[in-house]
Amino acid sequence: MGADTQYSRGELAWNEASSFASTRSGFSLRRLDFGTSLPAYDSFLLGGPFRLSAYAINQFSGSRRRSGRCVT
């Protein structure tokens, strides 16, 4: 529709849950890195429950994101 900005955006996530005896654990890994600058309206957001809970919802934004999580 006449936009001049070209960029690539995508997300790759790996999640796994397992249990052994009475112990349950889960693992999560996300990586995004395309080398193109994203416009502010389409950036990746972090913060809030299950995504850096100590921070406000969507407190962090940017064009690259890498995060991991381990829950037992």
Protein backbone atom coordinates (compact mmCIF):
# COMPACT_ATOMS: atom_id res chain seq x y z
CA MET A 1 0.00 0.00 0.00
CA GLY A 2 2.83 2.37 -0.80
CA ALA A 3 5.16 1.61 2.11
CA ASP A 4 8.88 2.22 1.54
CA THR A 5 10.17 0.09 4.44
CA GLN A 6 11.30 -3.48 3.74
CA TYR A 7 12.26 -5.83 6.55
CA SER A 8 12.10 -9.48 7.63
CA ARG A 9 10.41 -10.65 10.81
CA GLY A 10 9.96 -14.19 12.11
CA GLU A 11 10.11 -16.30 15.24
CA LEU A 12 11.50 -19.73 15.99
CA ALA A 13 10.51 -21.38 19.27
CA TRP A 14 11.40 -24.73 20.82
CA ASN A 15 9.47 -25.96 23.86
CA GLU A 16 9.81 -29.25 25.67
CA ALA A 17 8.23 -30.66 28.80
CA SER A 18 9.18 -33.87 30.55
CA SER A 19 8.60 -35.69 33.80
CA PHE A 20 10.70 -38.13 35.75
CA ALA A 21 9.30 -39.77 38.89
CA SER A 22 7.61 -36.89 40.72
CA THR A 23 9.67 -34.13 39.08
CA ARG A 24 8.35 -32.15 36.13
CA SER A 25 10.45 -29.76 34.10
CA GLY A 26 10.05 -27.59 31.05
CA PHE A 27 12.49 -25.89 28.69
CA SER A 28 11.92 -23.10 26.21
CA LEU A 29 14.24 -21.37 23.75
CA ARG A 30 13.51 -18.50 21.35
CA ARG A 31 15.80 -16.84 18.85
CA LEU A 32 15.20 -14.04 16.41
CA ASP A 33 18.01 -12.40 14.50
CA PHE A 34 17.55 -11.30 10.92
CA GLY A 35 19.94 -8.37 10.72
CA THR A 36 17.29 -5.99 9.40
CA SER A 37 15.93 -3.10 11.41
CA LEU A 38 12.29 -3.41 12.37
CA PRO A 39 10.02 -0.40 12.53
CA ALA A 40 8.91 0.51 16.06
CA TYR A 41 5.35 -0.65 15.45
CA ASP A 42 6.48 -4.23 14.61
CA SER A 43 9.33 -4.79 17.10
CA PHE A 44 9.62 -7.76 19.46
CA LEU A 45 8.37 -7.14 22.99
CA LEU A 46 9.52 -8.53 26.34
CA GLY A 47 8.29 -8.02 29.87
CA GLY A 48 5.38 -9.21 31.97
CA PRO A 49 4.17 -12.64 33.09
CA PHE A 50 6.23 -15.54 31.69
CA ARG A 51 8.43 -13.09 29.71
CA LEU A 52 10.69 -11.44 32.33
CA SER A 53 8.10 -11.26 35.11
CA ALA A 54 10.01 -8.70 37.20
CA TYR A 55 9.46 -6.05 34.54
CA ALA A 56 6.36 -4.24 33.29
CA ILE A 57 4.37 -5.70 30.39
CA ASN A 58 6.20 -4.98 27.11
CA GLN A 59 8.81 -2.84 28.88
CA PHE A 60 11.54 -3.89 26.43
CA SER A 61 11.32 -3.74 22.64
CA GLY A 62 13.80 -4.23 19.84
CA SER A 63 14.59 -5.79 16.49
CA ARG A 64 16.47 -8.80 17.94
CA ARG A 65 15.46 -11.20 20.67
CA ARG A 66 17.05 -14.25 22.26
CA SER A 67 15.64 -15.80 25.40
CA GLY A 68 15.53 -19.09 27.24
CA ARG A 69 13.64 -20.49 30.20
CA CYS A 70 13.92 -23.53 32.46
CA VAL A 71 11.10 -24.43 34.86
CA THR A 72 11.14 -27.26 37.40
